[in-house]
Amino acid sequence: MSHRLFVGIRPPPEIRDALIDLMEGVDDVRWQDDDQIHLTLRYIGEVDTHLAEDLALQLHAIELPTLDLTISGTGVFVRKGRVHTLWAGVEISPELKRLRQKIDRLCVSAGVEPDHRKYHPHITLARVNRSSGPPEPFLERNASLRLGPWRADSYTLFESTLHRHGSIYEPILIYALRTPS
């Protein structure tokens, strides 16, 4: 059996609520539900049960302190000349970069393919399709978006299940951020 996994951080309810309040003004996009709002630290992809269990155990080895995160601005990801994702940016800090690098190294040492893409911390707000309206008014209205900072005291291993109306993200394990002993 295979599992589609990623590691992420869930913002607190007040940040998620503020993001949900922004979700309007672009026709025919698939806005994210509260349960889908997260900051991806590392997309792992499809792995077998053995590797999934191994990763779940190894992620406990990361010892880093809590970190403060701030949402700043909005943007889009483009693939093949077409907008496919509308997002809120997350400011990169040395602490966030260090957590991302530790998770990435752990994944690679466990046998997951390296991620060669530049890390762009963000929270997906909507999935855009060919029939969606233009995102520019939304982007202009939220260009100076700033939420937080908020204190992240944990990160989560999620399993993603694809469904007709979008993905369902189920938390598998939550790992506390703590000062190394």
N, C-alpha and C. Protein backbone atom coordinates (compact mmCIF):
# COMPACT_ATOMS: atom_id res chain seq x y z
N MET A 1 0.85 -1.19 0.00
CA MET A 1 0.00 0.00 0.00
C MET A 1 0.89 1.24 0.00
N SER A 2 0.48 2.25 -0.77
CA SER A 2 1.28 3.47 -0.80
C SER A 2 0.56 4.59 -0.05
N HIS A 3 1.38 5.54 0.39
CA HIS A 3 0.88 6.68 1.16
C HIS A 3 1.46 7.95 0.54
N ARG A 4 0.60 8.94 0.32
CA ARG A 4 1.04 10.23 -0.22
C ARG A 4 1.24 11.17 0.97
N LEU A 5 2.50 11.52 1.25
CA LEU A 5 2.83 12.22 2.49
C LEU A 5 3.45 13.59 2.25
N PHE A 6 3.31 14.44 3.26
CA PHE A 6 4.06 15.69 3.32
C PHE A 6 4.20 16.10 4.78
N VAL A 7 5.15 16.97 5.04
CA VAL A 7 5.36 17.51 6.39
C VAL A 7 4.98 18.98 6.35
N GLY A 8 4.20 19.42 7.32
CA GLY A 8 3.76 20.81 7.31
C GLY A 8 3.49 21.35 8.70
N ILE A 9 3.17 22.63 8.73
CA ILE A 9 2.81 23.33 9.96
C ILE A 9 1.40 23.91 9.78
N ARG A 10 0.54 23.64 10.76
CA ARG A 10 -0.81 24.22 10.75
C ARG A 10 -0.77 25.56 11.49
N PRO A 11 -1.20 26.63 10.83
CA PRO A 11 -1.32 27.90 11.55
C PRO A 11 -2.41 27.79 12.63
N PRO A 12 -2.36 28.67 13.63
CA PRO A 12 -3.40 28.65 14.66
C PRO A 12 -4.74 29.11 14.08
N PRO A 13 -5.84 28.83 14.78
CA PRO A 13 -7.18 29.15 14.26
C PRO A 13 -7.35 30.61 13.83
N GLU A 14 -6.80 31.57 14.59
CA GLU A 14 -7.01 32.98 14.23
C GLU A 14 -6.33 33.34 12.91
N ILE A 15 -5.22 32.71 12.59
CA ILE A 15 -4.55 32.95 11.30
C ILE A 15 -5.33 32.28 10.19
N ARG A 16 -5.79 31.04 10.43
CA ARG A 16 -6.59 30.33 9.41
C ARG A 16 -7.88 31.10 9.13
N ASP A 17 -8.53 31.61 10.18
CA ASP A 17 -9.77 32.38 10.00
C ASP A 17 -9.51 33.63 9.16
N ALA A 18 -8.41 34.32 9.44
CA ALA A 18 -8.08 35.53 8.67
C ALA A 18 -7.83 35.18 7.20
N LEU A 19 -7.18 34.06 6.93
CA LEU A 19 -6.96 33.64 5.54
C LEU A 19 -8.27 33.27 4.86
N ILE A 20 -9.14 32.57 5.57
CA ILE A 20 -10.44 32.19 5.00
C ILE A 20 -11.25 33.44 4.67
N ASP A 21 -11.15 34.48 5.50
CA ASP A 21 -11.86 35.73 5.24
C ASP A 21 -11.42 36.40 3.94
N LEU A 22 -10.21 36.10 3.48
CA LEU A 22 -9.70 36.68 2.23
C LEU A 22 -10.24 35.97 0.99
N MET A 23 -10.75 34.76 1.16
CA MET A 23 -11.04 33.87 0.05
C MET A 23 -12.31 34.24 -0.69
N GLU A 24 -12.17 35.27 -1.53
CA GLU A 24 -13.28 35.70 -2.39
C GLU A 24 -12.70 36.60 -3.48
N GLY A 25 -13.49 36.79 -4.51
CA GLY A 25 -13.09 37.74 -5.54
C GLY A 25 -12.43 37.14 -6.76
N VAL A 26 -12.32 35.81 -6.82
CA VAL A 26 -11.82 35.15 -8.03
C VAL A 26 -12.83 34.05 -8.35
N ASP A 27 -13.47 34.17 -9.51
CA ASP A 27 -14.50 33.21 -9.90
C ASP A 27 -13.91 31.85 -10.25
N ASP A 28 -14.67 30.82 -9.92
CA ASP A 28 -14.38 29.43 -10.33
C ASP A 28 -13.01 28.92 -9.92
N VAL A 29 -12.55 29.29 -8.74
CA VAL A 29 -11.35 28.65 -8.17
C VAL A 29 -11.82 27.71 -7.07
N ARG A 30 -10.98 26.78 -6.67
CA ARG A 30 -11.31 25.89 -5.57
C ARG A 30 -10.57 26.41 -4.33
N TRP A 31 -11.29 27.19 -3.51
CA TRP A 31 -10.71 27.74 -2.29
C TRP A 31 -10.44 26.60 -1.31
N GLN A 32 -9.40 26.75 -0.52
CA GLN A 32 -9.05 25.74 0.47
C GLN A 32 -10.02 25.80 1.65
N ASP A 33 -10.30 24.64 2.23
CA ASP A 33 -11.08 24.56 3.47
C ASP A 33 -10.15 24.76 4.65
N ASP A 34 -10.73 25.02 5.81
CA ASP A 34 -9.92 25.18 7.02
C ASP A 34 -8.99 23.99 7.24
N ASP A 35 -9.49 22.78 7.01
CA ASP A 35 -8.69 21.57 7.23
C ASP A 35 -7.51 21.45 6.26
N GLN A 36 -7.52 22.21 5.18
CA GLN A 36 -6.46 22.12 4.18
C GLN A 36 -5.38 23.19 4.35
N ILE A 37 -5.59 24.14 5.22
CA ILE A 37 -4.66 25.27 5.35
C ILE A 37 -3.43 24.84 6.14
N HIS A 38 -2.27 24.94 5.49
CA HIS A 38 -1.00 24.56 6.12
C HIS A 38 0.16 25.18 5.35
N LEU A 39 1.29 25.23 6.01
CA LEU A 39 2.57 25.60 5.39
C LEU A 39 3.31 24.30 5.14
N THR A 40 3.58 23.97 3.88
CA THR A 40 4.33 22.75 3.57
C THR A 40 5.81 22.98 3.84
N LEU A 41 6.39 22.08 4.62
CA LEU A 41 7.83 22.10 4.87
C LEU A 41 8.55 21.19 3.87
N ARG A 42 7.94 20.04 3.57
CA ARG A 42 8.55 19.11 2.61
C ARG A 42 7.47 18.20 2.06
N TYR A 43 7.30 18.24 0.72
CA TYR A 43 6.42 17.28 0.06
C TYR A 43 7.23 16.00 -0.11
N ILE A 44 6.71 14.89 0.35
CA ILE A 44 7.40 13.61 0.28
C ILE A 44 6.92 12.81 -0.92
N GLY A 45 5.62 12.81 -1.16
CA GLY A 45 5.06 12.08 -2.29
C GLY A 45 4.64 10.67 -1.89
N GLU A 46 4.47 9.83 -2.91
CA GLU A 46 4.02 8.45 -2.71
C GLU A 46 5.15 7.59 -2.18
N VAL A 47 4.93 6.96 -1.04
CA VAL A 47 5.91 6.04 -0.46
C VAL A 47 5.17 4.79 0.04
N ASP A 48 5.90 3.68 0.15
CA ASP A 48 5.28 2.46 0.67
C ASP A 48 5.14 2.55 2.19
N THR A 49 4.40 1.61 2.75
CA THR A 49 4.11 1.62 4.19
C THR A 49 5.38 1.56 5.01
N HIS A 50 6.34 0.73 4.60
CA HIS A 50 7.59 0.59 5.35
C HIS A 50 8.32 1.94 5.44
N LEU A 51 8.47 2.64 4.32
CA LEU A 51 9.15 3.93 4.32
C LEU A 51 8.34 4.97 5.10
N ALA A 52 7.02 4.94 4.98
CA ALA A 52 6.17 5.87 5.73
C ALA A 52 6.38 5.70 7.23
N GLU A 53 6.42 4.45 7.69
CA GLU A 53 6.63 4.19 9.12
C GLU A 53 8.03 4.62 9.55
N ASP A 54 9.03 4.36 8.70
CA ASP A 54 10.41 4.74 8.99
C ASP A 54 10.53 6.27 9.12
N LEU A 55 9.92 6.99 8.17
CA LEU A 55 9.95 8.46 8.22
C LEU A 55 9.26 8.98 9.48
N ALA A 56 8.11 8.39 9.82
CA ALA A 56 7.37 8.82 11.00
C ALA A 56 8.24 8.71 12.25
N LEU A 57 9.01 7.64 12.35
CA LEU A 57 9.91 7.46 13.50
C LEU A 57 11.08 8.43 13.45
N GLN A 58 11.70 8.57 12.28
CA GLN A 58 12.89 9.40 12.16
C GLN A 58 12.61 10.89 12.40
N LEU A 59 11.42 11.35 12.07
CA LEU A 59 11.10 12.76 12.27
C LEU A 59 11.15 13.16 13.75
N HIS A 60 11.03 12.18 14.65
CA HIS A 60 11.16 12.47 16.09
C HIS A 60 12.56 12.94 16.46
N ALA A 61 13.55 12.64 15.63
CA ALA A 61 14.95 12.96 15.95
C ALA A 61 15.26 14.45 15.82
N ILE A 62 14.40 15.20 15.15
CA ILE A 62 14.67 16.63 14.94
C ILE A 62 14.43 17.38 16.24
N GLU A 63 15.45 18.08 16.68
CA GLU A 63 15.35 18.89 17.90
C GLU A 63 15.66 20.33 17.56
N LEU A 64 14.62 21.11 17.45
CA LEU A 64 14.76 22.54 17.18
C LEU A 64 13.75 23.29 18.04
N PRO A 65 14.06 24.53 18.39
CA PRO A 65 13.11 25.30 19.20
C PRO A 65 11.91 25.78 18.38
N THR A 66 10.90 26.26 19.08
CA THR A 66 9.74 26.85 18.42
C THR A 66 10.21 27.99 17.51
N LEU A 67 9.37 28.35 16.56
CA LEU A 67 9.74 29.45 15.68
C LEU A 67 8.55 30.36 15.43
N ASP A 68 8.85 31.61 15.14
CA ASP A 68 7.81 32.60 14.84
C ASP A 68 7.67 32.70 13.33
N LEU A 69 6.42 32.68 12.86
CA LEU A 69 6.13 32.74 11.43
C LEU A 69 5.22 33.93 11.15
N THR A 70 5.44 34.56 9.99
CA THR A 70 4.65 35.71 9.57
C THR A 70 4.22 35.52 8.12
N ILE A 71 2.94 35.75 7.85
CA ILE A 71 2.43 35.72 6.48
C ILE A 71 2.62 37.11 5.89
N SER A 72 3.11 37.14 4.66
CA SER A 72 3.42 38.42 4.02
C SER A 72 3.14 38.33 2.52
N GLY A 73 2.10 39.04 2.08
CA GLY A 73 1.80 39.13 0.66
C GLY A 73 1.12 37.91 0.08
N THR A 74 0.73 38.03 -1.18
CA THR A 74 0.10 36.92 -1.91
C THR A 74 0.77 36.80 -3.27
N GLY A 75 0.53 35.68 -3.92
CA GLY A 75 1.12 35.46 -5.23
C GLY A 75 0.49 34.26 -5.91
N VAL A 76 1.06 33.89 -7.04
CA VAL A 76 0.57 32.74 -7.81
C VAL A 76 1.75 31.88 -8.24
N PHE A 77 1.47 30.61 -8.46
CA PHE A 77 2.41 29.72 -9.13
C PHE A 77 1.87 29.48 -10.53
N VAL A 78 2.77 29.49 -11.49
CA VAL A 78 2.42 29.31 -12.90
C VAL A 78 3.09 28.04 -13.40
N ARG A 79 2.35 27.23 -14.14
CA ARG A 79 2.89 26.04 -14.77
C ARG A 79 2.44 26.05 -16.24
N LYS A 80 3.40 25.88 -17.12
CA LYS A 80 3.13 25.88 -18.57
C LYS A 80 2.36 27.13 -18.99
N GLY A 81 2.77 28.27 -18.45
CA GLY A 81 2.18 29.54 -18.84
C GLY A 81 0.81 29.82 -18.25
N ARG A 82 0.35 28.99 -17.33
CA ARG A 82 -0.98 29.14 -16.76
C ARG A 82 -0.93 29.15 -15.23
N VAL A 83 -1.66 30.08 -14.62
CA VAL A 83 -1.75 30.13 -13.15
C VAL A 83 -2.46 28.87 -12.67
N HIS A 84 -1.88 28.19 -11.67
CA HIS A 84 -2.54 27.00 -11.12
C HIS A 84 -2.75 27.07 -9.61
N THR A 85 -2.05 27.99 -8.92
CA THR A 85 -2.18 28.08 -7.47
C THR A 85 -2.12 29.54 -7.04
N LEU A 86 -3.02 29.91 -6.14
CA LEU A 86 -3.05 31.22 -5.51
C LEU A 86 -2.61 31.01 -4.06
N TRP A 87 -1.62 31.80 -3.58
CA TRP A 87 -1.05 31.54 -2.25
C TRP A 87 -0.82 32.81 -1.45
N ALA A 88 -0.64 32.60 -0.13
CA ALA A 88 -0.17 33.64 0.79
C ALA A 88 1.25 33.27 1.16
N GLY A 89 2.16 34.23 1.05
CA GLY A 89 3.57 33.96 1.33
C GLY A 89 3.86 33.89 2.82
N VAL A 90 4.88 33.12 3.17
CA VAL A 90 5.36 33.04 4.55
C VAL A 90 6.81 33.49 4.53
N GLU A 91 7.13 34.47 5.38
CA GLU A 91 8.50 34.99 5.41
C GLU A 91 9.47 33.90 5.83
N ILE A 92 10.57 33.79 5.09
CA ILE A 92 11.59 32.79 5.42
C ILE A 92 12.51 33.39 6.48
N SER A 93 12.71 32.64 7.53
CA SER A 93 13.61 33.05 8.61
C SER A 93 14.71 32.00 8.71
N PRO A 94 15.81 32.33 9.38
CA PRO A 94 16.85 31.31 9.56
C PRO A 94 16.32 30.06 10.26
N GLU A 95 15.39 30.24 11.20
CA GLU A 95 14.83 29.10 11.93
C GLU A 95 13.97 28.22 11.02
N LEU A 96 13.15 28.85 10.18
CA LEU A 96 12.33 28.09 9.24
C LEU A 96 13.22 27.36 8.24
N LYS A 97 14.23 28.05 7.74
CA LYS A 97 15.16 27.44 6.78
C LYS A 97 15.86 26.23 7.41
N ARG A 98 16.27 26.36 8.67
CA ARG A 98 16.96 25.26 9.35
C ARG A 98 16.03 24.06 9.53
N LEU A 99 14.77 24.30 9.93
CA LEU A 99 13.80 23.21 10.08
C LEU A 99 13.57 22.52 8.74
N ARG A 100 13.36 23.30 7.71
CA ARG A 100 13.16 22.74 6.37
C ARG A 100 14.36 21.89 5.95
N GLN A 101 15.58 22.37 6.16
CA GLN A 101 16.79 21.64 5.77
C GLN A 101 16.92 20.33 6.55
N LYS A 102 16.63 20.36 7.84
CA LYS A 102 16.74 19.14 8.65
C LYS A 102 15.73 18.10 8.18
N ILE A 103 14.50 18.52 7.91
CA ILE A 103 13.48 17.59 7.42
C ILE A 103 13.89 17.05 6.06
N ASP A 104 14.38 17.92 5.19
CA ASP A 104 14.79 17.50 3.85
C ASP A 104 15.92 16.47 3.92
N ARG A 105 16.94 16.74 4.73
CA ARG A 105 18.07 15.80 4.87
C ARG A 105 17.60 14.46 5.42
N LEU A 106 16.71 14.50 6.40
CA LEU A 106 16.19 13.27 6.97
C LEU A 106 15.43 12.46 5.92
N CYS A 107 14.62 13.13 5.11
CA CYS A 107 13.86 12.44 4.06
C CYS A 107 14.80 11.78 3.06
N VAL A 108 15.81 12.50 2.62
CA VAL A 108 16.75 11.97 1.64
C VAL A 108 17.51 10.78 2.23
N SER A 109 17.95 10.89 3.48
CA SER A 109 18.69 9.78 4.09
C SER A 109 17.80 8.55 4.28
N ALA A 110 16.49 8.75 4.36
CA ALA A 110 15.55 7.63 4.49
C ALA A 110 15.22 7.00 3.14
N GLY A 111 15.61 7.67 2.05
CA GLY A 111 15.36 7.10 0.72
C GLY A 111 14.38 7.86 -0.15
N VAL A 112 13.94 9.03 0.31
CA VAL A 112 13.04 9.86 -0.50
C VAL A 112 13.88 10.66 -1.49
N GLU A 113 13.38 10.83 -2.69
CA GLU A 113 14.10 11.60 -3.72
C GLU A 113 14.37 13.02 -3.22
N PRO A 114 15.55 13.57 -3.51
CA PRO A 114 15.83 14.96 -3.14
C PRO A 114 14.86 15.91 -3.84
N ASP A 115 14.55 17.01 -3.19
CA ASP A 115 13.70 18.05 -3.77
C ASP A 115 14.63 19.15 -4.28
N HIS A 116 14.76 19.26 -5.60
CA HIS A 116 15.71 20.21 -6.18
C HIS A 116 15.10 21.59 -6.42
N ARG A 117 13.79 21.72 -6.19
CA ARG A 117 13.16 23.02 -6.39
C ARG A 117 13.54 23.97 -5.26
N LYS A 118 13.60 25.25 -5.59
CA LYS A 118 13.85 26.27 -4.56
C LYS A 118 12.65 26.30 -3.62
N TYR A 119 12.92 26.32 -2.33
CA TYR A 119 11.84 26.34 -1.35
C TYR A 119 11.21 27.72 -1.31
N HIS A 120 9.91 27.76 -1.50
CA HIS A 120 9.14 29.01 -1.48
C HIS A 120 8.03 28.83 -0.44
N PRO A 121 8.28 29.23 0.82
CA PRO A 121 7.27 28.98 1.85
C PRO A 121 5.98 29.75 1.57
N HIS A 122 4.89 29.02 1.60
CA HIS A 122 3.59 29.62 1.28
C HIS A 122 2.48 28.77 1.86
N ILE A 123 1.30 29.35 1.90
CA ILE A 123 0.08 28.64 2.26
C ILE A 123 -0.86 28.74 1.06
N THR A 124 -1.21 27.60 0.50
CA THR A 124 -2.11 27.60 -0.65
C THR A 124 -3.48 28.09 -0.23
N LEU A 125 -4.01 29.06 -0.99
CA LEU A 125 -5.34 29.59 -0.74
C LEU A 125 -6.37 29.00 -1.70
N ALA A 126 -5.95 28.78 -2.96
CA ALA A 126 -6.90 28.27 -3.95
C ALA A 126 -6.18 27.55 -5.07
N ARG A 127 -6.89 26.59 -5.66
CA ARG A 127 -6.45 25.92 -6.88
C ARG A 127 -7.20 26.59 -8.03
N VAL A 128 -6.45 26.94 -9.04
CA VAL A 128 -6.99 27.68 -10.18
C VAL A 128 -7.09 26.74 -11.37
N ASN A 129 -8.16 26.88 -12.16
CA ASN A 129 -8.29 26.06 -13.38
C ASN A 129 -8.52 26.96 -14.59
N ARG A 130 -8.67 26.34 -15.74
CA ARG A 130 -8.80 27.09 -17.00
C ARG A 130 -9.99 28.04 -17.02
N SER A 131 -11.05 27.69 -16.31
CA SER A 131 -12.26 28.54 -16.34
C SER A 131 -12.27 29.59 -15.23
N SER A 132 -11.23 29.63 -14.42
CA SER A 132 -11.18 30.59 -13.30
C SER A 132 -11.06 32.02 -13.81
N GLY A 133 -11.58 32.94 -13.01
CA GLY A 133 -11.43 34.35 -13.31
C GLY A 133 -10.00 34.81 -13.08
N PRO A 134 -9.69 36.04 -13.48
CA PRO A 134 -8.33 36.56 -13.31
C PRO A 134 -8.00 36.79 -11.83
N PRO A 135 -6.78 36.41 -11.40
CA PRO A 135 -6.42 36.59 -9.99
C PRO A 135 -5.91 37.99 -9.66
N GLU A 136 -5.64 38.82 -10.67
CA GLU A 136 -5.00 40.13 -10.42
C GLU A 136 -5.74 41.02 -9.43
N PRO A 137 -7.08 41.15 -9.49
CA PRO A 137 -7.74 41.99 -8.48
C PRO A 137 -7.52 41.48 -7.05
N PHE A 138 -7.55 40.16 -6.87
CA PHE A 138 -7.29 39.57 -5.55
C PHE A 138 -5.87 39.89 -5.11
N LEU A 139 -4.91 39.71 -6.02
CA LEU A 139 -3.50 39.95 -5.69
C LEU A 139 -3.26 41.42 -5.34
N GLU A 140 -3.87 42.33 -6.09
CA GLU A 140 -3.71 43.76 -5.81
C GLU A 140 -4.32 44.12 -4.46
N ARG A 141 -5.51 43.58 -4.18
CA ARG A 141 -6.21 43.87 -2.93
C ARG A 141 -5.42 43.35 -1.72
N ASN A 142 -4.67 42.26 -1.89
CA ASN A 142 -3.97 41.63 -0.77
C ASN A 142 -2.46 41.72 -0.87
N ALA A 143 -1.96 42.63 -1.69
CA ALA A 143 -0.51 42.76 -1.89
C ALA A 143 0.23 43.06 -0.59
N SER A 144 -0.38 43.82 0.29
CA SER A 144 0.30 44.19 1.54
C SER A 144 -0.17 43.33 2.72
N LEU A 145 -0.74 42.17 2.42
CA LEU A 145 -1.20 41.27 3.48
C LEU A 145 -0.08 40.98 4.47
N ARG A 146 -0.40 41.08 5.74
CA ARG A 146 0.56 40.75 6.80
C ARG A 146 -0.23 40.18 7.97
N LEU A 147 0.06 38.93 8.33
CA LEU A 147 -0.60 38.26 9.45
C LEU A 147 0.47 37.66 10.35
N GLY A 148 0.31 37.85 11.64
CA GLY A 148 1.28 37.29 12.58
C GLY A 148 2.18 38.39 13.09
N PRO A 149 3.28 38.00 13.71
CA PRO A 149 3.78 36.63 13.76
C PRO A 149 2.97 35.74 14.71
N TRP A 150 3.08 34.43 14.45
CA TRP A 150 2.54 33.45 15.37
C TRP A 150 3.64 32.45 15.69
N ARG A 151 3.52 31.85 16.86
CA ARG A 151 4.52 30.90 17.35
C ARG A 151 4.14 29.49 16.91
N ALA A 152 4.99 28.86 16.11
CA ALA A 152 4.80 27.46 15.72
C ALA A 152 5.54 26.60 16.73
N ASP A 153 4.80 25.73 17.42
CA ASP A 153 5.43 24.88 18.42
C ASP A 153 5.43 23.41 18.02
N SER A 154 5.01 23.13 16.77
CA SER A 154 5.03 21.75 16.29
C SER A 154 4.97 21.73 14.77
N TYR A 155 5.28 20.56 14.22
CA TYR A 155 5.10 20.30 12.80
C TYR A 155 4.45 18.93 12.69
N THR A 156 3.85 18.62 11.54
CA THR A 156 3.01 17.43 11.41
C THR A 156 3.36 16.66 10.16
N LEU A 157 3.34 15.32 10.28
CA LEU A 157 3.40 14.44 9.11
C LEU A 157 1.96 14.19 8.70
N PHE A 158 1.62 14.58 7.46
CA PHE A 158 0.26 14.44 6.94
C PHE A 158 0.22 13.37 5.85
N GLU A 159 -0.93 12.70 5.75
CA GLU A 159 -1.21 11.87 4.59
C GLU A 159 -2.27 12.59 3.77
N SER A 160 -2.04 12.67 2.47
CA SER A 160 -2.94 13.36 1.56
C SER A 160 -3.66 12.32 0.71
N THR A 161 -4.99 12.39 0.71
CA THR A 161 -5.80 11.49 -0.11
C THR A 161 -6.53 12.34 -1.14
N LEU A 162 -6.37 12.00 -2.41
CA LEU A 162 -7.01 12.77 -3.48
C LEU A 162 -8.46 12.34 -3.63
N HIS A 163 -9.34 13.33 -3.70
CA HIS A 163 -10.76 13.11 -3.92
C HIS A 163 -11.23 14.04 -5.04
N ARG A 164 -12.42 13.78 -5.53
CA ARG A 164 -12.96 14.57 -6.64
C ARG A 164 -13.03 16.06 -6.33
N HIS A 165 -13.34 16.40 -5.10
CA HIS A 165 -13.51 17.80 -4.71
C HIS A 165 -12.28 18.38 -4.02
N GLY A 166 -11.14 17.72 -4.17
CA GLY A 166 -9.91 18.22 -3.56
C GLY A 166 -9.29 17.18 -2.65
N SER A 167 -8.16 17.53 -2.10
CA SER A 167 -7.42 16.62 -1.23
C SER A 167 -7.93 16.69 0.20
N ILE A 168 -7.83 15.56 0.88
CA ILE A 168 -8.10 15.51 2.32
C ILE A 168 -6.77 15.23 2.99
N TYR A 169 -6.42 16.07 3.97
CA TYR A 169 -5.15 15.94 4.68
C TYR A 169 -5.41 15.39 6.07
N GLU A 170 -4.85 14.23 6.34
CA GLU A 170 -5.02 13.61 7.65
C GLU A 170 -3.72 13.66 8.43
N PRO A 171 -3.72 14.27 9.61
CA PRO A 171 -2.50 14.28 10.42
C PRO A 171 -2.17 12.85 10.87
N ILE A 172 -0.93 12.44 10.64
CA ILE A 172 -0.48 11.11 11.06
C ILE A 172 0.20 11.23 12.43
N LEU A 173 1.18 12.11 12.52
CA LEU A 173 1.88 12.36 13.78
C LEU A 173 2.23 13.83 13.90
N ILE A 174 2.14 14.35 15.12
CA ILE A 174 2.52 15.73 15.40
C ILE A 174 3.80 15.69 16.23
N TYR A 175 4.79 16.50 15.82
CA TYR A 175 6.10 16.52 16.47
C TYR A 175 6.30 17.88 17.13
N ALA A 176 6.67 17.86 18.40
CA ALA A 176 6.88 19.11 19.14
C ALA A 176 8.21 19.72 18.74
N LEU A 177 8.21 21.03 18.56
CA LEU A 177 9.47 21.77 18.44
C LEU A 177 9.91 22.06 19.86
N ARG A 178 11.17 21.79 20.14
CA ARG A 178 11.67 21.94 21.50
C ARG A 178 13.14 22.29 21.45
N THR A 179 13.62 22.87 22.50
CA THR A 179 15.04 23.21 22.58
C THR A 179 15.86 21.92 22.68
N PRO A 180 16.92 21.79 21.86
CA PRO A 180 17.75 20.58 21.94
C PRO A 180 18.30 20.37 23.35
N SER A 181 18.35 19.09 23.76
CA SER A 181 18.84 18.79 25.12
C SER A 181 20.34 18.55 25.13
